[in-house]
Amino acid sequence: MQKINAILRYHYRIDPDELSDQEYAQKFQDWVYVTRVKNDTQIALLENTLQKVLYKLTNEIFTALNSK
């Protein structure tokens, strides 16, 4: 509970003790959802970046090999 309370205080700037059980659960579920979406977006961005880097490196390697 302390970790969830800290999350609610930090991310929503609210006092968790003032929330009903329903509000408390909803705020935490909202945070879980937003965090998952954010993480999925970061993973997709990283994958895309790595694909571009690998593509460029592969092209440079084959260009160098073919020029010999």
C-alpha atoms as a PDB file:
ATOM      1  CA  MET A   1       0.000   0.000   0.000  1.00  0.00           C
ATOM      2  CA  GLN A   2       2.828   2.440   0.762  1.00  0.00           C
ATOM      3  CA  LYS A   3       4.204   2.145  -2.763  1.00  0.00           C
ATOM      4  CA  ILE A   4       0.780   2.711  -4.301  1.00  0.00           C
ATOM      5  CA  ASN A   5       0.236   5.694  -2.018  1.00  0.00           C
ATOM      6  CA  ALA A   6       3.585   7.124  -3.108  1.00  0.00           C
ATOM      7  CA  ILE A   7       2.645   6.668  -6.768  1.00  0.00           C
ATOM      8  CA  LEU A   8      -0.673   8.446  -6.269  1.00  0.00           C
ATOM      9  CA  ARG A   9       0.948  11.293  -4.375  1.00  0.00           C
ATOM     10  CA  TYR A  10       3.715  11.747  -6.922  1.00  0.00           C
ATOM     11  CA  HIS A  11       1.805  11.305 -10.195  1.00  0.00           C
ATOM     12  CA  TYR A  12      -1.561  12.775  -9.260  1.00  0.00           C
ATOM     13  CA  ARG A  13      -0.541  15.157  -6.456  1.00  0.00           C
ATOM     14  CA  ILE A  14      -3.375  13.873  -4.304  1.00  0.00           C
ATOM     15  CA  ASP A  15      -3.661  12.527  -0.784  1.00  0.00           C
ATOM     16  CA  PRO A  16      -4.643   8.859  -1.133  1.00  0.00           C
ATOM     17  CA  ASP A  17      -6.219   8.934   2.338  1.00  0.00           C
ATOM     18  CA  GLU A  18      -8.894  11.294   1.021  1.00  0.00           C
ATOM     19  CA  LEU A  19     -10.011   8.923  -1.740  1.00  0.00           C
ATOM     20  CA  SER A  20     -12.801   6.408  -1.497  1.00  0.00           C
ATOM     21  CA  ASP A  21     -11.827   2.791  -2.128  1.00  0.00           C
ATOM     22  CA  GLN A  22     -13.347   3.054  -5.611  1.00  0.00           C
ATOM     23  CA  GLU A  23     -11.455   6.258  -6.432  1.00  0.00           C
ATOM     24  CA  TYR A  24      -8.247   4.798  -5.036  1.00  0.00           C
ATOM     25  CA  ALA A  25      -8.545   1.676  -7.184  1.00  0.00           C
ATOM     26  CA  GLN A  26      -9.459   3.715 -10.277  1.00  0.00           C
ATOM     27  CA  LYS A  27      -6.524   6.110  -9.901  1.00  0.00           C
ATOM     28  CA  PHE A  28      -4.122   3.218  -9.507  1.00  0.00           C
ATOM     29  CA  GLN A  29      -5.564   1.391 -12.528  1.00  0.00           C
ATOM     30  CA  ASP A  30      -5.274   4.602 -14.532  1.00  0.00           C
ATOM     31  CA  TRP A  31      -1.601   4.831 -13.570  1.00  0.00           C
ATOM     32  CA  VAL A  32      -1.024   1.180 -14.506  1.00  0.00           C
ATOM     33  CA  TYR A  33      -2.627   1.731 -17.922  1.00  0.00           C
ATOM     34  CA  VAL A  34      -0.694   4.927 -18.672  1.00  0.00           C
ATOM     35  CA  THR A  35       2.563   3.275 -17.594  1.00  0.00           C
ATOM     36  CA  ARG A  36       1.951   0.296 -19.879  1.00  0.00           C
ATOM     37  CA  VAL A  37       1.164   2.524 -22.854  1.00  0.00           C
ATOM     38  CA  LYS A  38       4.252   4.633 -22.153  1.00  0.00           C
ATOM     39  CA  ASN A  39       6.451   1.532 -21.874  1.00  0.00           C
ATOM     40  CA  ASP A  40       5.007   0.034 -25.069  1.00  0.00           C
ATOM     41  CA  THR A  41       5.708   3.301 -26.888  1.00  0.00           C
ATOM     42  CA  GLN A  42       9.282   3.395 -25.627  1.00  0.00           C
ATOM     43  CA  ILE A  43       9.846  -0.222 -26.641  1.00  0.00           C
ATOM     44  CA  ALA A  44       8.477   0.437 -30.136  1.00  0.00           C
ATOM     45  CA  LEU A  45      10.693   3.504 -30.497  1.00  0.00           C
ATOM     46  CA  LEU A  46      13.755   1.564 -29.378  1.00  0.00           C
ATOM     47  CA  GLU A  47      12.986  -1.317 -31.739  1.00  0.00           C
ATOM     48  CA  ASN A  48      12.540   1.098 -34.634  1.00  0.00           C
ATOM     49  CA  THR A  49      15.803   2.856 -33.842  1.00  0.00           C
ATOM     50  CA  LEU A  50      17.700  -0.426 -33.584  1.00  0.00           C
ATOM     51  CA  GLN A  51      16.270  -1.617 -36.901  1.00  0.00           C
ATOM     52  CA  LYS A  52      17.451   1.574 -38.601  1.00  0.00           C
ATOM     53  CA  VAL A  53      20.923   1.243 -37.095  1.00  0.00           C
ATOM     54  CA  LEU A  54      21.219  -2.412 -38.113  1.00  0.00           C
ATOM     55  CA  TYR A  55      19.996  -1.614 -41.620  1.00  0.00           C
ATOM     56  CA  LYS A  56      22.559   1.165 -42.004  1.00  0.00           C
ATOM     57  CA  LEU A  57      25.406  -0.971 -40.620  1.00  0.00           C
ATOM     58  CA  THR A  58      24.494  -3.910 -42.826  1.00  0.00           C
ATOM     59  CA  ASN A  59      24.439  -1.677 -45.893  1.00  0.00           C
ATOM     60  CA  GLU A  60      27.813  -0.170 -44.991  1.00  0.00           C
ATOM     61  CA  ILE A  61      29.358  -3.609 -44.457  1.00  0.00           C
ATOM     62  CA  PHE A  62      28.078  -4.990 -47.755  1.00  0.00           C
ATOM     63  CA  THR A  63      29.090  -1.831 -49.593  1.00  0.00           C
ATOM     64  CA  ALA A  64      32.598  -2.134 -48.162  1.00  0.00           C
ATOM     65  CA  LEU A  65      32.798  -5.842 -49.040  1.00  0.00           C
ATOM     66  CA  ASN A  66      31.537  -5.282 -52.586  1.00  0.00           C
ATOM     67  CA  SER A  67      33.993  -2.459 -53.255  1.00  0.00           C
ATOM     68  CA  LYS A  68      37.012  -4.739 -52.740  1.00  0.00           C
END
